[in-house]
Amino acid sequence: MYIPTITSIETALKVFYENAELGNREIKELFGSRSSATVAKLKKLVKAEMGKREMPSFGFYKINTAIAFEIWGINIADLEQRRKKIKELSL
């Protein structure tokens, strides 16, 4: 499945660190306004992995943030390094 591009490094870090679980609102914030079908597909990928790992969800319509970022290929350490470099270069 195609994974959309994040809206920004700052948004991705904010969403990651502020939410133990993600719902539709957080996913749309992370990737920009997306259709309900796209959000559902993104959640379905994560729910499947959560099932394999026997990871419970505290909210029925929520997904685990750490697993979501892993499945979607969003590397927090890389984003933090990039943000640090941007600040160093005053960009």
PDB file of N, CA and C in Angstrom:
ATOM      1  N   MET A   1       0.837  -1.188   0.000  1.00  0.00           N
ATOM      2  CA  MET A   1       0.000   0.000   0.000  1.00  0.00           C
ATOM      3  C   MET A   1       0.877   1.246   0.000  1.00  0.00           C
ATOM      4  N   TYR A   2       0.437   2.255  -0.681  1.00  0.00           N
ATOM      5  CA  TYR A   2       1.106   3.546  -0.716  1.00  0.00           C
ATOM      6  C   TYR A   2       0.916   4.248   0.625  1.00  0.00           C
ATOM      7  N   ILE A   3       2.010   4.707   1.221  1.00  0.00           N
ATOM      8  CA  ILE A   3       1.957   5.472   2.460  1.00  0.00           C
ATOM      9  C   ILE A   3       2.178   6.937   2.096  1.00  0.00           C
ATOM     10  N   PRO A   4       1.239   7.814   2.453  1.00  0.00           N
ATOM     11  CA  PRO A   4       1.394   9.231   2.115  1.00  0.00           C
ATOM     12  C   PRO A   4       2.608   9.852   2.808  1.00  0.00           C
ATOM     13  N   THR A   5       3.008  11.005   2.323  1.00  0.00           N
ATOM     14  CA  THR A   5       4.106  11.760   2.908  1.00  0.00           C
ATOM     15  C   THR A   5       3.599  12.524   4.129  1.00  0.00           C
ATOM     16  N   ILE A   6       4.431  12.616   5.164  1.00  0.00           N
ATOM     17  CA  ILE A   6       4.044  13.383   6.344  1.00  0.00           C
ATOM     18  C   ILE A   6       3.957  14.868   5.985  1.00  0.00           C
ATOM     19  N   THR A   7       3.151  15.609   6.743  1.00  0.00           N
ATOM     20  CA  THR A   7       2.996  17.035   6.458  1.00  0.00           C
ATOM     21  C   THR A   7       4.241  17.828   6.810  1.00  0.00           C
ATOM     22  N   SER A   8       4.897  17.471   7.920  1.00  0.00           N
ATOM     23  CA  SER A   8       6.142  18.129   8.305  1.00  0.00           C
ATOM     24  C   SER A   8       6.832  17.324   9.399  1.00  0.00           C
ATOM     25  N   ILE A   9       8.108  17.587   9.567  1.00  0.00           N
ATOM     26  CA  ILE A   9       8.872  16.926  10.622  1.00  0.00           C
ATOM     27  C   ILE A   9       8.293  17.293  11.983  1.00  0.00           C
ATOM     28  N   GLU A  10       8.002  18.577  12.176  1.00  0.00           N
ATOM     29  CA  GLU A  10       7.472  19.032  13.459  1.00  0.00           C
ATOM     30  C   GLU A  10       6.147  18.365  13.793  1.00  0.00           C
ATOM     31  N   THR A  11       5.282  18.250  12.805  1.00  0.00           N
ATOM     32  CA  THR A  11       3.984  17.612  13.027  1.00  0.00           C
ATOM     33  C   THR A  11       4.158  16.145  13.384  1.00  0.00           C
ATOM     34  N   ALA A  12       5.040  15.457  12.677  1.00  0.00           N
ATOM     35  CA  ALA A  12       5.266  14.037  12.956  1.00  0.00           C
ATOM     36  C   ALA A  12       5.788  13.836  14.376  1.00  0.00           C
ATOM     37  N   LEU A  13       6.733  14.669  14.802  1.00  0.00           N
ATOM     38  CA  LEU A  13       7.265  14.556  16.153  1.00  0.00           C
ATOM     39  C   LEU A  13       6.201  14.871  17.200  1.00  0.00           C
ATOM     40  N   LYS A  14       5.405  15.886  16.938  1.00  0.00           N
ATOM     41  CA  LYS A  14       4.328  16.263  17.856  1.00  0.00           C
ATOM     42  C   LYS A  14       3.322  15.123  17.998  1.00  0.00           C
ATOM     43  N   VAL A  15       2.891  14.575  16.884  1.00  0.00           N
ATOM     44  CA  VAL A  15       1.916  13.481  16.907  1.00  0.00           C
ATOM     45  C   VAL A  15       2.497  12.272  17.626  1.00  0.00           C
ATOM     46  N   PHE A  16       3.749  11.952  17.355  1.00  0.00           N
ATOM     47  CA  PHE A  16       4.383  10.787  17.976  1.00  0.00           C
ATOM     48  C   PHE A  16       4.485  10.947  19.486  1.00  0.00           C
ATOM     49  N   TYR A  17       4.983  12.066  19.940  1.00  0.00           N
ATOM     50  CA  TYR A  17       5.246  12.233  21.366  1.00  0.00           C
ATOM     51  C   TYR A  17       4.006  12.588  22.188  1.00  0.00           C
ATOM     52  N   GLU A  18       2.981  13.104  21.568  1.00  0.00           N
ATOM     53  CA  GLU A  18       1.779  13.489  22.318  1.00  0.00           C
ATOM     54  C   GLU A  18       0.726  12.389  22.399  1.00  0.00           C
ATOM     55  N   ASN A  19       0.850  11.323  21.625  1.00  0.00           N
ATOM     56  CA  ASN A  19      -0.210  10.322  21.545  1.00  0.00           C
ATOM     57  C   ASN A  19       0.316   8.903  21.696  1.00  0.00           C
ATOM     58  N   ALA A  20      -0.175   8.201  22.692  1.00  0.00           N
ATOM     59  CA  ALA A  20       0.155   6.780  22.836  1.00  0.00           C
ATOM     60  C   ALA A  20      -0.579   5.968  21.779  1.00  0.00           C
ATOM     61  N   GLU A  21      -1.762   6.443  21.412  1.00  0.00           N
ATOM     62  CA  GLU A  21      -2.556   5.813  20.355  1.00  0.00           C
ATOM     63  C   GLU A  21      -3.061   6.888  19.405  1.00  0.00           C
ATOM     64  N   LEU A  22      -3.285   6.474  18.170  1.00  0.00           N
ATOM     65  CA  LEU A  22      -3.736   7.396  17.129  1.00  0.00           C
ATOM     66  C   LEU A  22      -5.154   7.067  16.691  1.00  0.00           C
ATOM     67  N   GLY A  23      -5.915   8.116  16.468  1.00  0.00           N
ATOM     68  CA  GLY A  23      -7.236   7.987  15.878  1.00  0.00           C
ATOM     69  C   GLY A  23      -7.242   8.689  14.530  1.00  0.00           C
ATOM     70  N   ASN A  24      -8.393   8.789  13.928  1.00  0.00           N
ATOM     71  CA  ASN A  24      -8.512   9.418  12.609  1.00  0.00           C
ATOM     72  C   ASN A  24      -7.963  10.845  12.600  1.00  0.00           C
ATOM     73  N   ARG A  25      -8.280  11.606  13.644  1.00  0.00           N
ATOM     74  CA  ARG A  25      -7.863  13.005  13.709  1.00  0.00           C
ATOM     75  C   ARG A  25      -6.336  13.117  13.656  1.00  0.00           C
ATOM     76  N   GLU A  26      -5.647  12.309  14.438  1.00  0.00           N
ATOM     77  CA  GLU A  26      -4.185  12.363  14.481  1.00  0.00           C
ATOM     78  C   GLU A  26      -3.557  11.892  13.167  1.00  0.00           C
ATOM     79  N   ILE A  27      -4.148  10.894  12.555  1.00  0.00           N
ATOM     80  CA  ILE A  27      -3.633  10.394  11.275  1.00  0.00           C
ATOM     81  C   ILE A  27      -3.795  11.459  10.195  1.00  0.00           C
ATOM     82  N   LYS A  28      -4.926  12.135  10.186  1.00  0.00           N
ATOM     83  CA  LYS A  28      -5.138  13.208   9.210  1.00  0.00           C
ATOM     84  C   LYS A  28      -4.190  14.374   9.465  1.00  0.00           C
ATOM     85  N   GLU A  29      -3.902  14.656  10.720  1.00  0.00           N
ATOM     86  CA  GLU A  29      -2.938  15.710  11.056  1.00  0.00           C
ATOM     87  C   GLU A  29      -1.546  15.319  10.566  1.00  0.00           C
ATOM     88  N   LEU A  30      -1.169  14.070  10.747  1.00  0.00           N
ATOM     89  CA  LEU A  30       0.142  13.579  10.358  1.00  0.00           C
ATOM     90  C   LEU A  30       0.360  13.616   8.847  1.00  0.00           C
ATOM     91  N   PHE A  31      -0.632  13.165   8.099  1.00  0.00           N
ATOM     92  CA  PHE A  31      -0.497  13.049   6.640  1.00  0.00           C
ATOM     93  C   PHE A  31      -1.227  14.133   5.863  1.00  0.00           C
ATOM     94  N   GLY A  32      -1.846  15.064   6.535  1.00  0.00           N
ATOM     95  CA  GLY A  32      -2.661  16.050   5.853  1.00  0.00           C
ATOM     96  C   GLY A  32      -4.045  15.460   5.659  1.00  0.00           C
ATOM     97  N   SER A  33      -4.954  16.254   5.245  1.00  0.00           N
ATOM     98  CA  SER A  33      -6.328  15.794   5.092  1.00  0.00           C
ATOM     99  C   SER A  33      -6.399  14.686   4.050  1.00  0.00           C
ATOM    100  N   ARG A  34      -6.771  13.517   4.480  1.00  0.00           N
ATOM    101  CA  ARG A  34      -6.889  12.345   3.609  1.00  0.00           C
ATOM    102  C   ARG A  34      -8.311  11.816   3.673  1.00  0.00           C
ATOM    103  N   SER A  35      -8.678  11.041   2.675  1.00  0.00           N
ATOM    104  CA  SER A  35     -10.016  10.464   2.651  1.00  0.00           C
ATOM    105  C   SER A  35     -10.171   9.453   3.777  1.00  0.00           C
ATOM    106  N   SER A  36     -11.393   9.213   4.155  1.00  0.00           N
ATOM    107  CA  SER A  36     -11.681   8.225   5.199  1.00  0.00           C
ATOM    108  C   SER A  36     -11.194   6.843   4.779  1.00  0.00           C
ATOM    109  N   ALA A  37     -11.267   6.552   3.490  1.00  0.00           N
ATOM    110  CA  ALA A  37     -10.818   5.252   2.985  1.00  0.00           C
ATOM    111  C   ALA A  37      -9.306   5.094   3.166  1.00  0.00           C
ATOM    112  N   THR A  38      -8.557   6.140   2.890  1.00  0.00           N
ATOM    113  CA  THR A  38      -7.102   6.087   3.063  1.00  0.00           C
ATOM    114  C   THR A  38      -6.744   5.901   4.528  1.00  0.00           C
ATOM    115  N   VAL A  39      -7.406   6.651   5.392  1.00  0.00           N
ATOM    116  CA  VAL A  39      -7.159   6.535   6.829  1.00  0.00           C
ATOM    117  C   VAL A  39      -7.487   5.123   7.295  1.00  0.00           C
ATOM    118  N   ALA A  40      -8.587   4.568   6.827  1.00  0.00           N
ATOM    119  CA  ALA A  40      -8.981   3.206   7.207  1.00  0.00           C
ATOM    120  C   ALA A  40      -7.939   2.185   6.756  1.00  0.00           C
ATOM    121  N   LYS A  41      -7.397   2.345   5.561  1.00  0.00           N
ATOM    122  CA  LYS A  41      -6.375   1.423   5.055  1.00  0.00           C
ATOM    123  C   LYS A  41      -5.095   1.521   5.880  1.00  0.00           C
ATOM    124  N   LEU A  42      -4.704   2.741   6.234  1.00  0.00           N
ATOM    125  CA  LEU A  42      -3.510   2.927   7.057  1.00  0.00           C
ATOM    126  C   LEU A  42      -3.694   2.273   8.426  1.00  0.00           C
ATOM    127  N   LYS A  43      -4.875   2.447   9.002  1.00  0.00           N
ATOM    128  CA  LYS A  43      -5.170   1.844  10.309  1.00  0.00           C
ATOM    129  C   LYS A  43      -5.210   0.324  10.212  1.00  0.00           C
ATOM    130  N   LYS A  44      -5.745  -0.189   9.120  1.00  0.00           N
ATOM    131  CA  LYS A  44      -5.870  -1.639   8.943  1.00  0.00           C
ATOM    132  C   LYS A  44      -4.492  -2.310   8.944  1.00  0.00           C
ATOM    133  N   LEU A  45      -3.512  -1.688   8.291  1.00  0.00           N
ATOM    134  CA  LEU A  45      -2.146  -2.216   8.283  1.00  0.00           C
ATOM    135  C   LEU A  45      -1.606  -2.348   9.705  1.00  0.00           C
ATOM    136  N   VAL A  46      -1.840  -1.323  10.494  1.00  0.00           N
ATOM    137  CA  VAL A  46      -1.325  -1.300  11.866  1.00  0.00           C
ATOM    138  C   VAL A  46      -2.093  -2.278  12.750  1.00  0.00           C
ATOM    139  N   LYS A  47      -3.408  -2.327  12.600  1.00  0.00           N
ATOM    140  CA  LYS A  47      -4.229  -3.260  13.391  1.00  0.00           C
ATOM    141  C   LYS A  47      -3.787  -4.702  13.148  1.00  0.00           C
ATOM    142  N   ALA A  48      -3.456  -5.028  11.911  1.00  0.00           N
ATOM    143  CA  ALA A  48      -3.005  -6.382  11.589  1.00  0.00           C
ATOM    144  C   ALA A  48      -1.708  -6.703  12.333  1.00  0.00           C
ATOM    145  N   GLU A  49      -0.783  -5.758  12.345  1.00  0.00           N
ATOM    146  CA  GLU A  49       0.482  -5.962  13.054  1.00  0.00           C
ATOM    147  C   GLU A  49       0.264  -6.025  14.561  1.00  0.00           C
ATOM    148  N   MET A  50      -0.622  -5.201  15.062  1.00  0.00           N
ATOM    149  CA  MET A  50      -0.935  -5.232  16.494  1.00  0.00           C
ATOM    150  C   MET A  50      -1.504  -6.598  16.876  1.00  0.00           C
ATOM    151  N   GLY A  51      -2.308  -7.181  15.999  1.00  0.00           N
ATOM    152  CA  GLY A  51      -2.856  -8.509  16.244  1.00  0.00           C
ATOM    153  C   GLY A  51      -1.766  -9.567  16.287  1.00  0.00           C
ATOM    154  N   LYS A  52      -0.811  -9.475  15.374  1.00  0.00           N
ATOM    155  CA  LYS A  52       0.301 -10.423  15.350  1.00  0.00           C
ATOM    156  C   LYS A  52       1.119 -10.353  16.634  1.00  0.00           C
ATOM    157  N   ARG A  53       1.263  -9.153  17.154  1.00  0.00           N
ATOM    158  CA  ARG A  53       2.064  -8.940  18.363  1.00  0.00           C
ATOM    159  C   ARG A  53       1.228  -9.061  19.645  1.00  0.00           C
ATOM    160  N   GLU A  54      -0.036  -9.359  19.470  1.00  0.00           N
ATOM    161  CA  GLU A  54      -0.968  -9.451  20.596  1.00  0.00           C
ATOM    162  C   GLU A  54      -0.944  -8.177  21.438  1.00  0.00           C
ATOM    163  N   MET A  55      -0.946  -7.045  20.751  1.00  0.00           N
ATOM    164  CA  MET A  55      -0.915  -5.727  21.383  1.00  0.00           C
ATOM    165  C   MET A  55      -2.344  -5.203  21.474  1.00  0.00           C
ATOM    166  N   PRO A  56      -2.858  -5.034  22.682  1.00  0.00           N
ATOM    167  CA  PRO A  56      -4.225  -4.528  22.818  1.00  0.00           C
ATOM    168  C   PRO A  56      -4.295  -3.042  22.488  1.00  0.00           C
ATOM    169  N   SER A  57      -5.484  -2.599  22.137  1.00  0.00           N
ATOM    170  CA  SER A  57      -5.740  -1.189  21.899  1.00  0.00           C
ATOM    171  C   SER A  57      -6.669  -0.700  23.002  1.00  0.00           C
ATOM    172  N   PHE A  58      -6.359   0.448  23.565  1.00  0.00           N
ATOM    173  CA  PHE A  58      -7.175   0.980  24.651  1.00  0.00           C
ATOM    174  C   PHE A  58      -8.424   1.660  24.120  1.00  0.00           C
ATOM    175  N   GLY A  59      -8.373   2.141  22.913  1.00  0.00           N
ATOM    176  CA  GLY A  59      -9.534   2.714  22.252  1.00  0.00           C
ATOM    177  C   GLY A  59      -9.892   1.835  21.067  1.00  0.00           C
ATOM    178  N   PHE A  60     -11.163   1.506  20.926  1.00  0.00           N
ATOM    179  CA  PHE A  60     -11.590   0.572  19.876  1.00  0.00           C
ATOM    180  C   PHE A  60     -11.165   1.032  18.483  1.00  0.00           C
ATOM    181  N   TYR A  61     -11.245   2.314  18.230  1.00  0.00           N
ATOM    182  CA  TYR A  61     -10.913   2.846  16.909  1.00  0.00           C
ATOM    183  C   TYR A  61      -9.506   3.436  16.860  1.00  0.00           C
ATOM    184  N   LYS A  62      -8.679   3.098  17.831  1.00  0.00           N
ATOM    185  CA  LYS A  62      -7.324   3.648  17.927  1.00  0.00           C
ATOM    186  C   LYS A  62      -6.280   2.589  17.580  1.00  0.00           C
ATOM    187  N   ILE A  63      -5.093   3.070  17.215  1.00  0.00           N
ATOM    188  CA  ILE A  63      -3.962   2.189  16.920  1.00  0.00           C
ATOM    189  C   ILE A  63      -2.755   2.668  17.709  1.00  0.00           C
ATOM    190  N   ASN A  64      -1.845   1.754  18.008  1.00  0.00           N
ATOM    191  CA  ASN A  64      -0.640   2.064  18.757  1.00  0.00           C
ATOM    192  C   ASN A  64       0.284   2.957  17.924  1.00  0.00           C
ATOM    193  N   THR A  65       0.710   4.053  18.503  1.00  0.00           N
ATOM    194  CA  THR A  65       1.521   5.036  17.785  1.00  0.00           C
ATOM    195  C   THR A  65       2.879   4.475  17.347  1.00  0.00           C
ATOM    196  N   ALA A  66       3.584   3.826  18.259  1.00  0.00           N
ATOM    197  CA  ALA A  66       4.921   3.310  17.932  1.00  0.00           C
ATOM    198  C   ALA A  66       4.859   2.287  16.803  1.00  0.00           C
ATOM    199  N   ILE A  67       3.893   1.386  16.870  1.00  0.00           N
ATOM    200  CA  ILE A  67       3.749   0.376  15.811  1.00  0.00           C
ATOM    201  C   ILE A  67       3.351   1.045  14.499  1.00  0.00           C
ATOM    202  N   ALA A  68       2.467   2.025  14.567  1.00  0.00           N
ATOM    203  CA  ALA A  68       2.035   2.731  13.355  1.00  0.00           C
ATOM    204  C   ALA A  68       3.221   3.376  12.650  1.00  0.00           C
ATOM    205  N   PHE A  69       4.037   4.102  13.404  1.00  0.00           N
ATOM    206  CA  PHE A  69       5.179   4.766  12.788  1.00  0.00           C
ATOM    207  C   PHE A  69       6.141   3.739  12.203  1.00  0.00           C
ATOM    208  N   GLU A  70       6.329   2.630  12.887  1.00  0.00           N
ATOM    209  CA  GLU A  70       7.203   1.565  12.381  1.00  0.00           C
ATOM    210  C   GLU A  70       6.663   1.001  11.066  1.00  0.00           C
ATOM    211  N   ILE A  71       5.394   0.654  11.030  1.00  0.00           N
ATOM    212  CA  ILE A  71       4.762   0.071   9.840  1.00  0.00           C
ATOM    213  C   ILE A  71       4.761   1.064   8.683  1.00  0.00           C
ATOM    214  N   TRP A  72       4.539   2.323   8.981  1.00  0.00           N
ATOM    215  CA  TRP A  72       4.487   3.351   7.943  1.00  0.00           C
ATOM    216  C   TRP A  72       5.875   3.835   7.525  1.00  0.00           C
ATOM    217  N   GLY A  73       6.923   3.334   8.174  1.00  0.00           N
ATOM    218  CA  GLY A  73       8.283   3.705   7.798  1.00  0.00           C
ATOM    219  C   GLY A  73       8.690   5.098   8.227  1.00  0.00           C
ATOM    220  N   ILE A  74       8.104   5.593   9.303  1.00  0.00           N
ATOM    221  CA  ILE A  74       8.455   6.923   9.810  1.00  0.00           C
ATOM    222  C   ILE A  74       9.452   6.733  10.945  1.00  0.00           C
ATOM    223  N   ASN A  75      10.682   7.127  10.713  1.00  0.00           N
ATOM    224  CA  ASN A  75      11.776   6.927  11.662  1.00  0.00           C
ATOM    225  C   ASN A  75      11.932   8.179  12.525  1.00  0.00           C
ATOM    226  N   ILE A  76      11.524   8.088  13.778  1.00  0.00           N
ATOM    227  CA  ILE A  76      11.573   9.237  14.678  1.00  0.00           C
ATOM    228  C   ILE A  76      13.002   9.720  14.912  1.00  0.00           C
ATOM    229  N   ALA A  77      13.942   8.804  15.106  1.00  0.00           N
ATOM    230  CA  ALA A  77      15.336   9.203  15.327  1.00  0.00           C
ATOM    231  C   ALA A  77      15.864  10.005  14.131  1.00  0.00           C
ATOM    232  N   ASP A  78      15.530   9.578  12.932  1.00  0.00           N
ATOM    233  CA  ASP A  78      15.945  10.287  11.725  1.00  0.00           C
ATOM    234  C   ASP A  78      15.311  11.673  11.663  1.00  0.00           C
ATOM    235  N   LEU A  79      14.035  11.754  11.992  1.00  0.00           N
ATOM    236  CA  LEU A  79      13.348  13.052  11.968  1.00  0.00           C
ATOM    237  C   LEU A  79      13.936  14.009  13.003  1.00  0.00           C
ATOM    238  N   GLU A  80      14.266  13.488  14.179  1.00  0.00           N
ATOM    239  CA  GLU A  80      14.879  14.328  15.204  1.00  0.00           C
ATOM    240  C   GLU A  80      16.236  14.854  14.742  1.00  0.00           C
ATOM    241  N   GLN A  81      17.014  13.996  14.102  1.00  0.00           N
ATOM    242  CA  GLN A  81      18.317  14.404  13.586  1.00  0.00           C
ATOM    243  C   GLN A  81      18.156  15.461  12.497  1.00  0.00           C
ATOM    244  N   ARG A  82      17.198  15.280  11.631  1.00  0.00           N
ATOM    245  CA  ARG A  82      16.958  16.258  10.562  1.00  0.00           C
ATOM    246  C   ARG A  82      16.533  17.609  11.135  1.00  0.00           C
ATOM    247  N   ARG A  83      15.621  17.558  12.128  1.00  0.00           N
ATOM    248  CA  ARG A  83      15.177  18.814  12.748  1.00  0.00           C
ATOM    249  C   ARG A  83      16.356  19.518  13.415  1.00  0.00           C
ATOM    250  N   LYS A  84      17.210  18.759  14.085  1.00  0.00           N
ATOM    251  CA  LYS A  84      18.391  19.330  14.737  1.00  0.00           C
ATOM    252  C   LYS A  84      19.291  20.002  13.706  1.00  0.00           C
ATOM    253  N   LYS A  85      19.511  19.342  12.579  1.00  0.00           N
ATOM    254  CA  LYS A  85      20.369  19.876  11.520  1.00  0.00           C
ATOM    255  C   LYS A  85      19.762  21.147  10.916  1.00  0.00           C
ATOM    256  N   ILE A  86      18.456  21.141  10.727  1.00  0.00           N
ATOM    257  CA  ILE A  86      17.781  22.336  10.197  1.00  0.00           C
ATOM    258  C   ILE A  86      17.986  23.505  11.133  1.00  0.00           C
ATOM    259  N   LYS A  87      17.869  23.278  12.437  1.00  0.00           N
ATOM    260  CA  LYS A  87      18.073  24.351  13.406  1.00  0.00           C
ATOM    261  C   LYS A  87      19.513  24.822  13.405  1.00  0.00           C
ATOM    262  N   GLU A  88      20.472  23.888  13.288  1.00  0.00           N
ATOM    263  CA  GLU A  88      21.888  24.252  13.237  1.00  0.00           C
ATOM    264  C   GLU A  88      22.194  25.135  12.031  1.00  0.00           C
ATOM    265  N   LEU A  89      21.559  24.823  10.914  1.00  0.00           N
ATOM    266  CA  LEU A  89      21.785  25.584   9.681  1.00  0.00           C
ATOM    267  C   LEU A  89      20.915  26.835   9.589  1.00  0.00           C
ATOM    268  N   SER A  90      20.059  27.025  10.579  1.00  0.00           N
ATOM    269  CA  SER A  90      19.126  28.173  10.623  1.00  0.00           C
ATOM    270  C   SER A  90      18.249  28.239   9.379  1.00  0.00           C
ATOM    271  N   LEU A  91      17.731  27.089   8.975  1.00  0.00           N
ATOM    272  CA  LEU A  91      16.847  27.049   7.806  1.00  0.00           C
ATOM    273  C   LEU A  91      15.405  27.172   8.216  1.00  0.00           C
TER     274      LEU A  91
END
